[in-house]
Amino acid sequence: MNITATYRENVFSNKEEMDKAVDNHIYHNADKLPTSNRKVLRSIAGHAFSPMGTAHLKIETIAGEVGCSESTVSRAIKRLVEL
């Protein structure tokens, strides 16, 4: 299954700005984000460069990177979108 996670094109001017936004999101939602959700978010952010803030990944790729099942990744993405 392919997914496209797009925040907004060119919303970040550089990687450091995007990383700070990810860190802030995790900090402000720490009580709502299990470790697996945080890992999924960081995995997606780690591939979100072309254009900055946009990632095109397969769920199986994310699952392999973070060491969890594809269903866990799907649930994490759903949760992240809800926040």
Protein backbone atom coordinates (compact mmCIF):
# COMPACT_ATOMS: atom_id res chain seq x y z
CA MET A 1 0.00 0.00 0.00
CA ASN A 2 1.37 3.42 -0.93
CA ILE A 3 0.63 6.53 1.07
CA THR A 4 1.56 10.11 0.51
CA ALA A 5 2.10 12.25 3.56
CA THR A 6 2.10 15.89 2.60
CA TYR A 7 2.10 18.73 5.08
CA ARG A 8 2.28 21.74 2.75
CA GLU A 9 4.74 22.32 -0.01
CA ASN A 10 7.62 24.60 1.00
CA VAL A 11 6.31 25.14 4.53
CA PHE A 12 9.86 24.60 5.85
CA SER A 13 12.85 26.45 4.48
CA ASN A 14 15.36 23.86 5.67
CA LYS A 15 15.80 20.54 7.48
CA GLU A 16 16.57 22.17 10.82
CA GLU A 17 13.29 24.10 10.73
CA MET A 18 11.38 20.90 9.92
CA ASP A 19 13.17 18.95 12.68
CA LYS A 20 12.27 21.66 15.19
CA ALA A 21 8.60 21.48 14.15
CA VAL A 22 8.64 17.68 14.57
CA ASP A 23 10.28 18.00 18.01
CA ASN A 24 7.70 20.63 19.06
CA HIS A 25 4.83 18.43 17.86
CA ILE A 26 6.15 15.46 19.82
CA TYR A 27 6.75 17.61 22.92
CA HIS A 28 3.27 19.15 22.90
CA ASN A 29 1.56 15.81 22.22
CA ALA A 30 3.79 13.52 24.30
CA ASP A 31 0.89 12.24 26.38
CA LYS A 32 -1.01 11.26 23.19
CA LEU A 33 1.87 9.69 21.23
CA PRO A 34 3.16 6.25 22.10
CA THR A 35 6.79 5.52 21.24
CA SER A 36 5.79 3.76 18.00
CA ASN A 37 3.95 6.90 16.81
CA ARG A 38 6.99 9.04 17.53
CA LYS A 39 9.23 6.65 15.62
CA VAL A 40 6.84 6.68 12.63
CA LEU A 41 6.77 10.49 12.63
CA ARG A 42 10.57 10.68 12.75
CA SER A 43 10.86 8.11 9.95
CA ILE A 44 8.52 10.10 7.71
CA ALA A 45 10.31 13.35 8.55
CA GLY A 46 13.62 11.69 7.75
CA HIS A 47 12.46 11.23 4.16
CA ALA A 48 10.62 14.52 3.73
CA PHE A 49 12.99 16.51 1.56
CA SER A 50 11.75 16.81 -2.00
CA PRO A 51 10.07 19.26 -1.72
CA MET A 52 10.89 20.03 1.92
CA GLY A 53 8.16 18.67 4.20
CA THR A 54 6.83 16.07 1.71
CA ALA A 55 7.44 12.33 2.00
CA HIS A 56 6.49 9.50 -0.34
CA LEU A 57 6.95 6.18 1.46
CA LYS A 58 5.45 2.74 1.55
CA ILE A 59 4.05 1.61 4.87
CA GLU A 60 6.26 -1.47 4.67
CA THR A 61 9.33 0.78 4.36
CA ILE A 62 8.40 2.72 7.49
CA ALA A 63 7.62 -0.52 9.35
CA GLY A 64 11.04 -1.90 8.48
CA GLU A 65 12.79 1.27 9.61
CA VAL A 66 11.05 1.57 12.95
CA GLY A 67 10.80 -2.16 13.70
CA CYS A 68 7.04 -2.56 13.97
CA SER A 69 4.21 -4.09 11.97
CA GLU A 70 2.53 -2.45 9.00
CA SER A 71 -0.74 -2.29 10.94
CA THR A 72 1.04 -0.38 13.74
CA VAL A 73 2.38 2.09 11.16
CA SER A 74 -1.10 2.54 9.68
CA ARG A 75 -2.58 3.22 13.11
CA ALA A 76 0.25 5.63 13.94
CA ILE A 77 -0.28 7.60 10.73
CA LYS A 78 -4.01 7.80 11.41
CA ARG A 79 -3.29 9.06 14.91
CA LEU A 80 -0.75 11.62 13.69
CA VAL A 81 -3.22 12.95 11.13
CA GLU A 82 -5.88 13.31 13.84
CA LEU A 83 -3.60 15.46 15.97
